[in-house]
Amino acid sequence: MRLFTAVIPPTSVKDHLGLAIDGVPASPRWVPRENLHITLAFYADLPEGTIPELSEELSDVARKHGPIDLRLRGAGSYGARVLWIGVDGATRALHDLATDCLAASPREVPEDVRPHRAHVTVARARAGQVRPPSGRDRWGKRSGAEPRSALQPAAQALSVYAGPDWTADSFALLASFPGEGAQGGPRYEVLETWDLEG
C-alpha cells in the first residue's frame, strides 16, 4: 500500500485558502479541498501486513510530540509542475515530528522522500501547460532554464498569501490510491488518527 502521514489543516484554514485560490487568474489542476494536507512522511509501498507495526510506532511518536502552532503563508512552485503554499510557525517542531514519523517506518525509506520544506500542494499543471524554456545562450543553445509553466502566474499571485493561525493537535496515517480521485488524481483514505499528546 502507498502510505503516508500528514497533518490535515482544519476546515476554517482550508476555507480561507480556498477564497484566496478562487481569486487566482490561472487554470491549473487544483487539488480537491479534501486532499489538502502537509505531508510528514511518505512510506512508498508497504505490505498491508506492516500497518499494525507502523501504527504502534506512530502511537509512540504521538505521545512524544505536543500540539504545533502553524500558519499557511507564501507560495511557490517545484519545477513547472507543482504549485505549493508554504507553512510558517513552529516549523522546527513540525520537522521533528516529520523526522520521527519517518523513523517509524518498518522499512528503509528512499532518500528522495525524506523530510523537506513543509508545504501544502494546491495545484498541478495540466497536460500541455508545461512548455520548454525559450531562453538560449549566446551560442544559440538552449539555456538550463526551467520549463515555463502556467503555474507561474498563480505562484506569483499567492506569494503574498497569509492564512489564519491554527494549532495542529493531531496527525493521520493515510493510504493513497493513484488515479481513483477527482480529475484522475489520487484518492486518500484516512486509516488512523493520533492526537499529539506530548
N, C-alpha and C. Protein backbone atom coordinates (compact mmCIF):
# COMPACT_ATOMS: atom_id res chain seq x y z
N MET A 1 0.84 -1.20 0.00
CA MET A 1 0.00 0.00 0.00
C MET A 1 0.87 1.24 0.00
N ARG A 2 0.39 2.30 -0.67
CA ARG A 2 1.09 3.59 -0.66
C ARG A 2 0.59 4.36 0.55
N LEU A 3 1.44 4.49 1.57
CA LEU A 3 1.05 5.10 2.83
C LEU A 3 1.87 6.35 3.11
N PHE A 4 1.24 7.29 3.82
CA PHE A 4 1.97 8.48 4.27
C PHE A 4 1.29 9.03 5.51
N THR A 5 2.05 9.80 6.29
CA THR A 5 1.47 10.50 7.43
C THR A 5 1.38 11.97 7.07
N ALA A 6 0.38 12.64 7.65
CA ALA A 6 0.16 14.04 7.31
C ALA A 6 -0.58 14.77 8.41
N VAL A 7 -0.37 16.08 8.45
CA VAL A 7 -1.19 16.99 9.25
C VAL A 7 -2.25 17.52 8.29
N ILE A 8 -3.49 17.42 8.69
CA ILE A 8 -4.59 17.89 7.85
C ILE A 8 -5.11 19.20 8.43
N PRO A 9 -5.00 20.31 7.67
CA PRO A 9 -5.48 21.59 8.19
C PRO A 9 -6.99 21.56 8.47
N PRO A 10 -7.43 22.33 9.45
CA PRO A 10 -8.86 22.36 9.76
C PRO A 10 -9.66 23.03 8.63
N THR A 11 -10.96 22.81 8.66
CA THR A 11 -11.86 23.34 7.62
C THR A 11 -11.72 24.85 7.48
N SER A 12 -11.61 25.56 8.60
CA SER A 12 -11.53 27.03 8.54
C SER A 12 -10.29 27.48 7.77
N VAL A 13 -9.18 26.76 7.92
CA VAL A 13 -7.94 27.09 7.22
C VAL A 13 -8.10 26.78 5.72
N LYS A 14 -8.71 25.65 5.41
CA LYS A 14 -8.95 25.30 4.01
C LYS A 14 -9.91 26.30 3.36
N ASP A 15 -10.92 26.75 4.11
CA ASP A 15 -11.87 27.73 3.57
C ASP A 15 -11.17 29.04 3.23
N HIS A 16 -10.30 29.49 4.14
CA HIS A 16 -9.57 30.75 3.92
C HIS A 16 -8.68 30.63 2.69
N LEU A 17 -7.98 29.51 2.58
CA LEU A 17 -7.13 29.28 1.42
C LEU A 17 -7.96 29.20 0.15
N GLY A 18 -9.12 28.57 0.24
CA GLY A 18 -10.00 28.46 -0.92
C GLY A 18 -10.41 29.81 -1.46
N LEU A 19 -10.68 30.77 -0.57
CA LEU A 19 -11.04 32.13 -1.01
C LEU A 19 -9.89 32.77 -1.77
N ALA A 20 -8.67 32.56 -1.30
CA ALA A 20 -7.50 33.12 -1.99
C ALA A 20 -7.32 32.47 -3.36
N ILE A 21 -7.49 31.16 -3.42
CA ILE A 21 -7.33 30.44 -4.68
C ILE A 21 -8.39 30.86 -5.69
N ASP A 22 -9.61 31.09 -5.20
CA ASP A 22 -10.70 31.48 -6.10
C ASP A 22 -10.38 32.78 -6.84
N GLY A 23 -9.53 33.62 -6.26
CA GLY A 23 -9.19 34.89 -6.89
C GLY A 23 -7.99 34.83 -7.81
N VAL A 24 -7.44 33.63 -8.01
CA VAL A 24 -6.23 33.50 -8.84
C VAL A 24 -6.62 33.31 -10.30
N PRO A 25 -6.11 34.18 -11.17
CA PRO A 25 -6.44 34.08 -12.61
C PRO A 25 -5.55 33.06 -13.33
N ALA A 26 -5.75 31.80 -13.05
CA ALA A 26 -4.97 30.76 -13.70
C ALA A 26 -5.84 29.52 -13.82
N SER A 27 -5.42 28.58 -14.61
CA SER A 27 -6.23 27.38 -14.78
C SER A 27 -5.43 26.10 -14.59
N PRO A 28 -4.71 25.99 -13.46
CA PRO A 28 -4.04 24.71 -13.21
C PRO A 28 -5.06 23.67 -12.76
N ARG A 29 -4.60 22.47 -12.53
CA ARG A 29 -5.46 21.42 -12.00
C ARG A 29 -5.39 21.53 -10.48
N TRP A 30 -6.38 22.19 -9.89
CA TRP A 30 -6.38 22.41 -8.45
C TRP A 30 -6.58 21.10 -7.71
N VAL A 31 -5.89 20.94 -6.60
CA VAL A 31 -6.05 19.76 -5.74
C VAL A 31 -7.40 19.91 -5.02
N PRO A 32 -8.23 18.85 -5.02
CA PRO A 32 -9.50 18.94 -4.29
C PRO A 32 -9.28 19.29 -2.82
N ARG A 33 -10.16 20.10 -2.29
CA ARG A 33 -10.02 20.58 -0.91
C ARG A 33 -9.84 19.44 0.08
N GLU A 34 -10.54 18.33 -0.12
CA GLU A 34 -10.44 17.22 0.83
C GLU A 34 -9.06 16.55 0.80
N ASN A 35 -8.26 16.83 -0.22
CA ASN A 35 -6.92 16.24 -0.32
C ASN A 35 -5.81 17.14 0.20
N LEU A 36 -6.13 18.35 0.64
CA LEU A 36 -5.10 19.27 1.12
C LEU A 36 -4.51 18.78 2.44
N HIS A 37 -3.18 18.73 2.50
CA HIS A 37 -2.51 18.22 3.70
C HIS A 37 -1.05 18.65 3.69
N ILE A 38 -0.41 18.53 4.83
CA ILE A 38 1.03 18.73 4.97
C ILE A 38 1.63 17.35 5.19
N THR A 39 2.37 16.85 4.21
CA THR A 39 2.97 15.52 4.34
C THR A 39 4.06 15.54 5.41
N LEU A 40 4.03 14.57 6.28
CA LEU A 40 5.08 14.39 7.28
C LEU A 40 6.09 13.36 6.80
N ALA A 41 5.60 12.18 6.41
CA ALA A 41 6.48 11.11 5.94
C ALA A 41 5.74 10.28 4.90
N PHE A 42 6.43 9.98 3.82
CA PHE A 42 5.88 9.12 2.77
C PHE A 42 6.62 7.79 2.86
N TYR A 43 5.86 6.70 2.93
CA TYR A 43 6.47 5.39 3.16
C TYR A 43 6.58 4.55 1.89
N ALA A 44 6.25 5.14 0.75
CA ALA A 44 6.27 4.40 -0.52
C ALA A 44 5.32 3.21 -0.38
N ASP A 45 5.65 2.11 -1.01
CA ASP A 45 4.77 0.93 -0.97
C ASP A 45 5.16 0.01 0.18
N LEU A 46 4.21 -0.17 1.08
CA LEU A 46 4.43 -1.08 2.22
C LEU A 46 3.41 -2.21 2.15
N PRO A 47 3.81 -3.42 2.51
CA PRO A 47 2.83 -4.51 2.57
C PRO A 47 1.76 -4.20 3.62
N GLU A 48 0.53 -4.57 3.34
CA GLU A 48 -0.57 -4.28 4.26
C GLU A 48 -0.30 -4.86 5.65
N GLY A 49 0.42 -5.98 5.71
CA GLY A 49 0.72 -6.61 6.99
C GLY A 49 1.62 -5.80 7.90
N THR A 50 2.28 -4.75 7.35
CA THR A 50 3.16 -3.93 8.19
C THR A 50 2.41 -2.79 8.89
N ILE A 51 1.13 -2.60 8.54
CA ILE A 51 0.38 -1.47 9.11
C ILE A 51 0.28 -1.54 10.64
N PRO A 52 -0.02 -2.70 11.26
CA PRO A 52 -0.09 -2.72 12.73
C PRO A 52 1.22 -2.28 13.39
N GLU A 53 2.36 -2.73 12.86
CA GLU A 53 3.65 -2.33 13.42
C GLU A 53 3.87 -0.83 13.26
N LEU A 54 3.57 -0.30 12.07
CA LEU A 54 3.71 1.13 11.83
C LEU A 54 2.78 1.92 12.75
N SER A 55 1.56 1.46 12.90
CA SER A 55 0.59 2.13 13.76
C SER A 55 1.07 2.21 15.21
N GLU A 56 1.66 1.12 15.69
CA GLU A 56 2.18 1.10 17.06
C GLU A 56 3.31 2.11 17.23
N GLU A 57 4.21 2.15 16.24
CA GLU A 57 5.32 3.11 16.28
C GLU A 57 4.80 4.55 16.24
N LEU A 58 3.78 4.80 15.41
CA LEU A 58 3.23 6.16 15.31
C LEU A 58 2.50 6.57 16.58
N SER A 59 1.94 5.61 17.29
CA SER A 59 1.33 5.92 18.60
C SER A 59 2.38 6.45 19.56
N ASP A 60 3.58 5.85 19.53
CA ASP A 60 4.68 6.33 20.37
C ASP A 60 5.11 7.73 19.95
N VAL A 61 5.14 7.98 18.63
CA VAL A 61 5.50 9.31 18.13
C VAL A 61 4.51 10.34 18.65
N ALA A 62 3.23 10.03 18.61
CA ALA A 62 2.19 10.97 19.04
C ALA A 62 2.33 11.32 20.52
N ARG A 63 2.73 10.35 21.33
CA ARG A 63 2.91 10.61 22.77
C ARG A 63 4.11 11.52 23.03
N LYS A 64 5.06 11.52 22.12
CA LYS A 64 6.29 12.30 22.29
C LYS A 64 6.13 13.77 21.90
N HIS A 65 5.22 14.07 20.98
CA HIS A 65 5.09 15.43 20.43
C HIS A 65 3.79 16.08 20.89
N GLY A 66 3.90 17.38 21.17
CA GLY A 66 2.73 18.15 21.55
C GLY A 66 2.15 18.90 20.35
N PRO A 67 1.03 19.60 20.58
CA PRO A 67 0.41 20.40 19.52
C PRO A 67 1.39 21.43 18.94
N ILE A 68 1.18 21.77 17.66
CA ILE A 68 2.11 22.65 16.94
C ILE A 68 1.34 23.82 16.33
N ASP A 69 1.78 25.05 16.64
CA ASP A 69 1.15 26.25 16.10
C ASP A 69 1.67 26.50 14.69
N LEU A 70 0.75 26.59 13.72
CA LEU A 70 1.12 26.71 12.32
C LEU A 70 0.31 27.80 11.62
N ARG A 71 0.76 28.14 10.42
CA ARG A 71 0.06 29.10 9.57
C ARG A 71 0.52 28.84 8.13
N LEU A 72 -0.42 28.87 7.19
CA LEU A 72 -0.04 28.75 5.78
C LEU A 72 0.35 30.14 5.30
N ARG A 73 1.50 30.19 4.61
CA ARG A 73 2.00 31.51 4.17
C ARG A 73 2.90 31.36 2.95
N GLY A 74 2.69 32.25 1.97
CA GLY A 74 3.54 32.29 0.79
C GLY A 74 3.22 31.17 -0.18
N ALA A 75 3.88 31.18 -1.32
CA ALA A 75 3.65 30.17 -2.35
C ALA A 75 4.87 30.07 -3.24
N GLY A 76 4.93 29.01 -3.98
CA GLY A 76 5.99 28.80 -4.94
C GLY A 76 5.68 27.59 -5.78
N SER A 77 6.64 27.19 -6.59
CA SER A 77 6.42 26.00 -7.42
C SER A 77 7.66 25.14 -7.41
N TYR A 78 7.43 23.83 -7.50
CA TYR A 78 8.51 22.88 -7.68
C TYR A 78 8.59 22.62 -9.17
N GLY A 79 9.66 23.09 -9.78
CA GLY A 79 9.76 22.95 -11.22
C GLY A 79 8.61 23.67 -11.88
N ALA A 80 8.08 23.08 -12.90
CA ALA A 80 6.97 23.69 -13.63
C ALA A 80 5.67 22.93 -13.43
N ARG A 81 5.68 21.99 -12.51
CA ARG A 81 4.52 21.09 -12.42
C ARG A 81 3.70 21.18 -11.15
N VAL A 82 4.27 21.66 -10.04
CA VAL A 82 3.56 21.64 -8.75
C VAL A 82 3.55 23.03 -8.13
N LEU A 83 2.36 23.48 -7.72
CA LEU A 83 2.19 24.75 -7.01
C LEU A 83 1.95 24.44 -5.54
N TRP A 84 2.70 25.11 -4.65
CA TRP A 84 2.57 24.84 -3.23
C TRP A 84 2.35 26.12 -2.43
N ILE A 85 1.74 25.95 -1.26
CA ILE A 85 1.61 27.01 -0.26
C ILE A 85 2.54 26.62 0.88
N GLY A 86 3.33 27.59 1.36
CA GLY A 86 4.29 27.31 2.41
C GLY A 86 3.64 27.22 3.79
N VAL A 87 4.43 26.74 4.74
CA VAL A 87 3.98 26.60 6.13
C VAL A 87 4.90 27.43 7.01
N ASP A 88 4.30 28.21 7.89
CA ASP A 88 5.01 29.09 8.80
C ASP A 88 4.62 28.72 10.22
N GLY A 89 5.33 29.25 11.19
CA GLY A 89 5.02 28.97 12.60
C GLY A 89 6.10 28.11 13.22
N ALA A 90 5.69 27.13 14.01
CA ALA A 90 6.64 26.27 14.72
C ALA A 90 7.14 25.18 13.77
N THR A 91 7.86 25.60 12.73
CA THR A 91 8.30 24.66 11.70
C THR A 91 9.37 23.69 12.20
N ARG A 92 10.13 24.10 13.20
CA ARG A 92 11.13 23.18 13.77
C ARG A 92 10.43 21.99 14.43
N ALA A 93 9.37 22.27 15.19
CA ALA A 93 8.61 21.20 15.83
C ALA A 93 7.94 20.32 14.78
N LEU A 94 7.47 20.93 13.70
CA LEU A 94 6.85 20.15 12.62
C LEU A 94 7.89 19.25 11.94
N HIS A 95 9.09 19.78 11.74
CA HIS A 95 10.16 18.98 11.14
C HIS A 95 10.54 17.81 12.05
N ASP A 96 10.61 18.06 13.36
CA ASP A 96 10.93 16.99 14.31
C ASP A 96 9.87 15.89 14.28
N LEU A 97 8.59 16.30 14.19
CA LEU A 97 7.50 15.33 14.09
C LEU A 97 7.65 14.52 12.80
N ALA A 98 7.96 15.19 11.69
CA ALA A 98 8.13 14.50 10.41
C ALA A 98 9.29 13.51 10.47
N THR A 99 10.38 13.91 11.11
CA THR A 99 11.55 13.03 11.23
C THR A 99 11.20 11.78 12.02
N ASP A 100 10.46 11.94 13.12
CA ASP A 100 10.08 10.78 13.93
C ASP A 100 9.07 9.89 13.20
N CYS A 101 8.16 10.50 12.42
CA CYS A 101 7.22 9.70 11.63
C CYS A 101 7.96 8.87 10.60
N LEU A 102 8.98 9.45 10.00
CA LEU A 102 9.78 8.73 9.01
C LEU A 102 10.54 7.58 9.68
N ALA A 103 11.09 7.85 10.85
CA ALA A 103 11.84 6.81 11.57
C ALA A 103 10.95 5.65 11.99
N ALA A 104 9.63 5.87 12.05
CA ALA A 104 8.70 4.81 12.44
C ALA A 104 8.47 3.78 11.34
N SER A 105 8.96 4.06 10.14
CA SER A 105 8.74 3.16 9.01
C SER A 105 9.33 1.78 9.28
N PRO A 106 8.59 0.71 8.98
CA PRO A 106 9.14 -0.63 9.17
C PRO A 106 10.18 -1.01 8.11
N ARG A 107 10.28 -0.21 7.05
CA ARG A 107 11.29 -0.43 6.01
C ARG A 107 12.04 0.85 5.74
N GLU A 108 13.24 0.75 5.21
CA GLU A 108 14.01 1.95 4.88
C GLU A 108 13.30 2.75 3.80
N VAL A 109 13.27 4.06 4.00
CA VAL A 109 12.58 4.96 3.07
C VAL A 109 13.62 5.58 2.14
N PRO A 110 13.34 5.64 0.83
CA PRO A 110 14.31 6.22 -0.10
C PRO A 110 14.67 7.66 0.27
N GLU A 111 15.90 8.05 -0.04
CA GLU A 111 16.41 9.38 0.30
C GLU A 111 15.56 10.51 -0.26
N ASP A 112 14.99 10.32 -1.46
CA ASP A 112 14.26 11.41 -2.10
C ASP A 112 12.89 11.70 -1.49
N VAL A 113 12.44 10.90 -0.52
CA VAL A 113 11.17 11.19 0.13
C VAL A 113 11.35 11.52 1.61
N ARG A 114 12.57 11.84 2.00
CA ARG A 114 12.83 12.22 3.39
C ARG A 114 12.30 13.63 3.66
N PRO A 115 12.16 14.04 4.93
CA PRO A 115 11.56 15.34 5.25
C PRO A 115 12.23 16.48 4.48
N HIS A 116 11.40 17.40 4.04
CA HIS A 116 11.84 18.56 3.29
C HIS A 116 11.03 19.75 3.76
N ARG A 117 11.09 20.83 3.04
CA ARG A 117 10.36 22.02 3.46
C ARG A 117 8.86 21.73 3.50
N ALA A 118 8.24 22.02 4.63
CA ALA A 118 6.81 21.76 4.79
C ALA A 118 6.00 22.63 3.83
N HIS A 119 4.98 22.02 3.22
CA HIS A 119 4.14 22.74 2.27
C HIS A 119 2.82 21.99 2.08
N VAL A 120 1.89 22.68 1.45
CA VAL A 120 0.64 22.07 1.02
C VAL A 120 0.60 22.18 -0.50
N THR A 121 0.54 21.06 -1.20
CA THR A 121 0.41 21.09 -2.66
C THR A 121 -1.03 21.50 -2.97
N VAL A 122 -1.18 22.59 -3.75
CA VAL A 122 -2.53 23.08 -4.06
C VAL A 122 -2.90 22.91 -5.53
N ALA A 123 -1.92 22.70 -6.41
CA ALA A 123 -2.24 22.54 -7.82
C ALA A 123 -1.11 21.84 -8.55
N ARG A 124 -1.48 21.25 -9.67
CA ARG A 124 -0.50 20.66 -10.59
C ARG A 124 -0.82 21.17 -11.98
N ALA A 125 0.21 21.30 -12.80
CA ALA A 125 0.00 21.77 -14.17
C ALA A 125 -0.82 20.74 -14.93
N ARG A 126 -1.73 21.22 -15.75
CA ARG A 126 -2.50 20.33 -16.62
C ARG A 126 -1.59 19.87 -17.76
N ALA A 127 -1.95 18.76 -18.37
CA ALA A 127 -1.21 18.29 -19.54
C ALA A 127 -1.18 19.40 -20.58
N GLY A 128 -0.03 19.64 -21.14
CA GLY A 128 0.11 20.68 -22.17
C GLY A 128 0.39 22.06 -21.62
N GLN A 129 0.38 22.23 -20.28
CA GLN A 129 0.63 23.54 -19.71
C GLN A 129 2.10 23.79 -19.42
N VAL A 130 2.93 22.78 -19.56
CA VAL A 130 4.36 22.95 -19.34
C VAL A 130 5.02 23.08 -20.71
N ARG A 131 5.69 24.21 -20.92
CA ARG A 131 6.35 24.47 -22.20
C ARG A 131 7.85 24.49 -22.00
N PRO A 132 8.63 24.08 -23.02
CA PRO A 132 10.07 24.14 -22.87
C PRO A 132 10.54 25.58 -22.69
N PRO A 133 11.67 25.78 -22.02
CA PRO A 133 12.17 27.14 -21.84
C PRO A 133 12.51 27.76 -23.19
N SER A 134 12.29 29.07 -23.30
CA SER A 134 12.56 29.75 -24.56
C SER A 134 13.97 30.33 -24.61
N GLY A 135 14.63 30.40 -23.46
CA GLY A 135 15.94 31.03 -23.41
C GLY A 135 17.02 30.25 -24.14
N ARG A 136 17.88 30.96 -24.81
CA ARG A 136 19.04 30.37 -25.47
C ARG A 136 20.27 31.13 -25.01
N ASP A 137 21.38 30.42 -24.93
CA ASP A 137 22.60 31.11 -24.54
C ASP A 137 23.19 31.84 -25.74
N ARG A 138 24.34 32.46 -25.57
CA ARG A 138 24.89 33.29 -26.64
C ARG A 138 25.38 32.48 -27.84
N TRP A 139 25.45 31.14 -27.70
CA TRP A 139 25.84 30.29 -28.82
C TRP A 139 24.62 29.67 -29.51
N GLY A 140 23.43 30.08 -29.07
CA GLY A 140 22.21 29.58 -29.70
C GLY A 140 21.70 28.27 -29.12
N LYS A 141 22.38 27.75 -28.08
CA LYS A 141 21.92 26.52 -27.45
C LYS A 141 20.89 26.85 -26.39
N ARG A 142 20.02 25.88 -26.13
CA ARG A 142 19.01 26.09 -25.09
C ARG A 142 19.71 26.30 -23.75
N SER A 143 19.20 27.25 -22.99
CA SER A 143 19.77 27.51 -21.66
C SER A 143 19.30 26.44 -20.70
N GLY A 144 19.87 26.43 -19.52
CA GLY A 144 19.48 25.47 -18.50
C GLY A 144 18.26 25.92 -17.72
N ALA A 145 17.52 26.89 -18.25
CA ALA A 145 16.36 27.42 -17.54
C ALA A 145 15.31 26.32 -17.36
N GLU A 146 14.53 26.46 -16.28
CA GLU A 146 13.45 25.53 -16.02
C GLU A 146 12.36 25.72 -17.07
N PRO A 147 11.60 24.68 -17.37
CA PRO A 147 10.48 24.83 -18.30
C PRO A 147 9.50 25.88 -17.78
N ARG A 148 8.90 26.61 -18.70
CA ARG A 148 7.88 27.58 -18.31
C ARG A 148 6.59 26.86 -18.00
N SER A 149 5.80 27.42 -17.11
CA SER A 149 4.58 26.74 -16.68
C SER A 149 3.45 27.73 -16.49
N ALA A 150 2.23 27.25 -16.71
CA ALA A 150 1.05 28.05 -16.43
C ALA A 150 0.87 28.27 -14.93
N LEU A 151 1.65 27.58 -14.10
CA LEU A 151 1.55 27.76 -12.65
C LEU A 151 2.24 29.04 -12.17
N GLN A 152 3.15 29.60 -12.97
CA GLN A 152 3.90 30.78 -12.53
C GLN A 152 3.00 31.95 -12.14
N PRO A 153 1.98 32.32 -12.94
CA PRO A 153 1.12 33.43 -12.51
C PRO A 153 0.42 33.14 -11.18
N ALA A 154 0.00 31.89 -10.97
CA ALA A 154 -0.66 31.53 -9.71
C ALA A 154 0.33 31.62 -8.55
N ALA A 155 1.56 31.15 -8.75
CA ALA A 155 2.58 31.21 -7.69
C ALA A 155 2.86 32.66 -7.33
N GLN A 156 2.93 33.53 -8.31
CA GLN A 156 3.18 34.95 -8.03
C GLN A 156 2.00 35.58 -7.30
N ALA A 157 0.78 35.25 -7.74
CA ALA A 157 -0.40 35.82 -7.09
C ALA A 157 -0.53 35.38 -5.64
N LEU A 158 -0.16 34.14 -5.35
CA LEU A 158 -0.31 33.60 -4.00
C LEU A 158 0.93 33.79 -3.13
N SER A 159 1.98 34.40 -3.68
CA SER A 159 3.22 34.56 -2.92
C SER A 159 3.04 35.43 -1.68
N VAL A 160 2.02 36.28 -1.68
CA VAL A 160 1.76 37.15 -0.53
C VAL A 160 0.68 36.58 0.39
N TYR A 161 0.23 35.37 0.10
CA TYR A 161 -0.84 34.77 0.90
C TYR A 161 -0.39 34.56 2.35
N ALA A 162 -1.26 34.89 3.29
CA ALA A 162 -1.04 34.61 4.71
C ALA A 162 -2.36 34.14 5.31
N GLY A 163 -2.41 32.90 5.70
CA GLY A 163 -3.63 32.33 6.27
C GLY A 163 -3.72 32.55 7.77
N PRO A 164 -4.83 32.10 8.36
CA PRO A 164 -5.01 32.25 9.81
C PRO A 164 -4.13 31.28 10.60
N ASP A 165 -3.78 31.67 11.81
CA ASP A 165 -3.05 30.77 12.71
C ASP A 165 -3.96 29.63 13.13
N TRP A 166 -3.38 28.46 13.32
CA TRP A 166 -4.13 27.36 13.89
C TRP A 166 -3.16 26.43 14.60
N THR A 167 -3.71 25.57 15.46
CA THR A 167 -2.89 24.62 16.21
C THR A 167 -3.16 23.22 15.68
N ALA A 168 -2.11 22.59 15.15
CA ALA A 168 -2.22 21.20 14.71
C ALA A 168 -2.12 20.33 15.96
N ASP A 169 -3.21 19.66 16.30
CA ASP A 169 -3.22 18.85 17.52
C ASP A 169 -3.33 17.36 17.22
N SER A 170 -3.19 17.00 15.93
CA SER A 170 -3.23 15.58 15.56
C SER A 170 -2.53 15.38 14.22
N PHE A 171 -2.27 14.14 13.90
CA PHE A 171 -1.79 13.77 12.57
C PHE A 171 -2.41 12.44 12.21
N ALA A 172 -2.34 12.09 10.93
CA ALA A 172 -3.04 10.90 10.44
C ALA A 172 -2.14 10.04 9.57
N LEU A 173 -2.48 8.75 9.52
CA LEU A 173 -1.89 7.82 8.56
C LEU A 173 -2.91 7.65 7.45
N LEU A 174 -2.48 7.90 6.21
CA LEU A 174 -3.38 7.81 5.07
C LEU A 174 -2.86 6.82 4.04
N ALA A 175 -3.78 6.23 3.30
CA ALA A 175 -3.45 5.40 2.15
C ALA A 175 -3.78 6.20 0.90
N SER A 176 -2.92 6.09 -0.10
CA SER A 176 -3.11 6.80 -1.37
C SER A 176 -3.45 5.79 -2.46
N PHE A 177 -4.50 6.12 -3.23
CA PHE A 177 -4.92 5.26 -4.32
C PHE A 177 -4.83 6.06 -5.61
N PRO A 178 -3.69 5.99 -6.31
CA PRO A 178 -3.47 6.80 -7.51
C PRO A 178 -4.53 6.56 -8.58
N GLY A 179 -4.96 7.66 -9.19
CA GLY A 179 -5.90 7.59 -10.30
C GLY A 179 -7.34 7.37 -9.93
N GLU A 180 -7.65 7.20 -8.63
CA GLU A 180 -9.02 6.92 -8.21
C GLU A 180 -9.78 8.16 -7.75
N GLY A 181 -9.10 9.32 -7.73
CA GLY A 181 -9.74 10.54 -7.24
C GLY A 181 -10.25 11.42 -8.37
N ALA A 182 -10.66 12.63 -7.99
CA ALA A 182 -11.18 13.61 -8.94
C ALA A 182 -10.12 13.94 -9.99
N GLN A 183 -10.55 14.15 -11.22
CA GLN A 183 -9.68 14.56 -12.34
C GLN A 183 -8.53 13.58 -12.56
N GLY A 184 -8.71 12.33 -12.17
CA GLY A 184 -7.67 11.34 -12.37
C GLY A 184 -6.55 11.40 -11.35
N GLY A 185 -6.71 12.24 -10.32
CA GLY A 185 -5.70 12.34 -9.26
C GLY A 185 -5.87 11.23 -8.24
N PRO A 186 -5.10 11.29 -7.16
CA PRO A 186 -5.20 10.23 -6.15
C PRO A 186 -6.43 10.41 -5.25
N ARG A 187 -6.87 9.30 -4.70
CA ARG A 187 -7.89 9.32 -3.64
C ARG A 187 -7.16 8.95 -2.35
N TYR A 188 -7.43 9.70 -1.27
CA TYR A 188 -6.80 9.43 0.01
C TYR A 188 -7.83 8.89 0.99
N GLU A 189 -7.39 7.94 1.78
CA GLU A 189 -8.25 7.36 2.81
C GLU A 189 -7.51 7.41 4.15
N VAL A 190 -8.13 8.05 5.15
CA VAL A 190 -7.53 8.11 6.48
C VAL A 190 -7.69 6.75 7.15
N LEU A 191 -6.57 6.14 7.55
CA LEU A 191 -6.61 4.84 8.20
C LEU A 191 -6.65 4.96 9.71
N GLU A 192 -5.95 5.97 10.23
CA GLU A 192 -5.90 6.16 11.68
C GLU A 192 -5.43 7.57 11.98
N THR A 193 -5.89 8.10 13.10
CA THR A 193 -5.50 9.46 13.53
C THR A 193 -5.03 9.40 14.97
N TRP A 194 -3.99 10.20 15.27
CA TRP A 194 -3.46 10.26 16.63
C TRP A 194 -3.43 11.70 17.11
N ASP A 195 -3.81 11.91 18.37
CA ASP A 195 -3.67 13.23 18.99
C ASP A 195 -2.21 13.43 19.40
N LEU A 196 -1.74 14.64 19.24
CA LEU A 196 -0.38 14.99 19.70
C LEU A 196 -0.48 15.28 21.18
N GLU A 197 0.07 14.39 21.98
CA GLU A 197 -0.16 14.42 23.43
C GLU A 197 1.02 14.92 24.24
N GLY A 198 2.19 15.06 23.62
CA GLY A 198 3.42 15.34 24.37
C GLY A 198 3.40 16.63 25.15
